[in-house]
């Protein structure tokens, strides 16, 4: 589960940070998702920031899942003894 969340986090962060750099430097259409959805035109920078925030929150969730599984494993090992 942690690996999936880390992958999603990375995907959102790449789309957000890369798209933000692309839009702030007036780059052309590239492989950033926001460029290809017509409903997002005019909102690209705002949506890039939202993608960065979502990626960060998913990354924090992945860290929380990782730490809670470590605690659960330690408790489980302690019950075996």
Protein backbone atom coordinates (compact mmCIF):
# COMPACT_ATOMS: atom_id res chain seq x y z
CA UNK A 1 0.00 0.00 0.00
CA UNK A 2 2.84 2.36 0.88
CA UNK A 3 4.43 1.85 -2.54
CA UNK A 4 1.19 2.70 -4.35
CA UNK A 5 0.75 5.87 -2.30
CA UNK A 6 4.36 6.88 -2.91
CA UNK A 7 3.87 6.36 -6.65
CA UNK A 8 0.70 8.45 -6.69
CA UNK A 9 2.40 11.15 -4.67
CA UNK A 10 5.30 11.26 -7.10
CA UNK A 11 2.92 11.38 -10.08
CA UNK A 12 0.97 14.34 -8.66
CA UNK A 13 4.15 16.15 -7.63
CA UNK A 14 5.73 15.75 -11.07
CA UNK A 15 2.57 16.93 -12.81
CA UNK A 16 2.21 19.88 -10.44
CA UNK A 17 5.82 21.07 -10.22
CA UNK A 18 6.61 20.41 -13.87
CA UNK A 19 3.38 22.03 -15.01
CA UNK A 20 3.99 25.05 -12.78
CA UNK A 21 7.47 25.55 -14.19
CA UNK A 22 6.09 25.07 -17.71
CA UNK A 23 3.34 27.65 -17.20
CA UNK A 24 5.51 30.22 -15.41
CA UNK A 25 8.12 30.09 -18.18
CA UNK A 26 5.47 30.24 -20.94
CA UNK A 27 6.45 26.81 -22.18
CA UNK A 28 4.48 25.24 -24.97
CA UNK A 29 2.15 22.29 -24.71
CA UNK A 30 3.98 19.39 -23.21
CA UNK A 31 3.06 16.15 -21.47
CA UNK A 32 1.55 17.93 -18.44
CA UNK A 33 -2.07 16.86 -17.99
CA UNK A 34 -3.47 20.33 -17.24
CA UNK A 35 -2.53 21.48 -20.76
CA UNK A 36 -4.85 18.98 -22.44
CA UNK A 37 -8.10 19.48 -20.53
CA UNK A 38 -9.99 22.38 -22.07
CA UNK A 39 -12.01 23.09 -18.91
CA UNK A 40 -8.74 23.94 -17.12
CA UNK A 41 -7.63 26.63 -19.58
CA UNK A 42 -7.02 29.86 -17.69
CA UNK A 43 -6.64 28.00 -14.39
CA UNK A 44 -3.40 26.14 -15.14
CA UNK A 45 -1.18 27.73 -12.46
CA UNK A 46 -3.84 27.37 -9.78
CA UNK A 47 -4.40 23.73 -10.71
CA UNK A 48 -0.65 23.05 -10.77
CA UNK A 49 -0.47 24.29 -7.17
CA UNK A 50 -3.45 22.09 -6.26
CA UNK A 51 -1.69 19.07 -7.79
CA UNK A 52 1.43 19.85 -5.74
CA UNK A 53 -0.65 20.04 -2.55
CA UNK A 54 -2.47 16.78 -3.34
CA UNK A 55 0.87 15.06 -4.02
CA UNK A 56 2.25 16.35 -0.72
CA UNK A 57 -0.81 15.17 1.21
CA UNK A 58 -0.63 11.71 -0.38
CA UNK A 59 3.08 11.59 0.51
CA UNK A 60 2.30 12.42 4.12
CA UNK A 61 -0.40 9.75 4.14
CA UNK A 62 2.15 7.23 2.83
CA UNK A 63 4.50 8.14 5.66
CA UNK A 64 1.68 7.72 8.18
CA UNK A 65 0.73 4.33 6.73
CA UNK A 66 4.37 3.27 6.92
CA UNK A 67 4.79 4.32 10.53
CA UNK A 68 1.50 2.76 11.64
CA UNK A 69 2.42 -0.54 10.00
CA UNK A 70 5.78 -0.53 11.83
CA UNK A 71 4.00 0.03 15.15
CA UNK A 72 1.52 -2.73 14.31
CA UNK A 73 4.35 -5.14 13.43
CA UNK A 74 6.17 -4.38 16.68
CA UNK A 75 3.02 -4.99 18.70
CA UNK A 76 2.40 -8.23 16.81
CA UNK A 77 5.98 -9.41 17.45
CA UNK A 78 5.64 -8.52 21.12
CA UNK A 79 2.52 -10.68 21.42
CA UNK A 80 4.38 -13.68 19.97
CA UNK A 81 6.91 -13.69 22.83
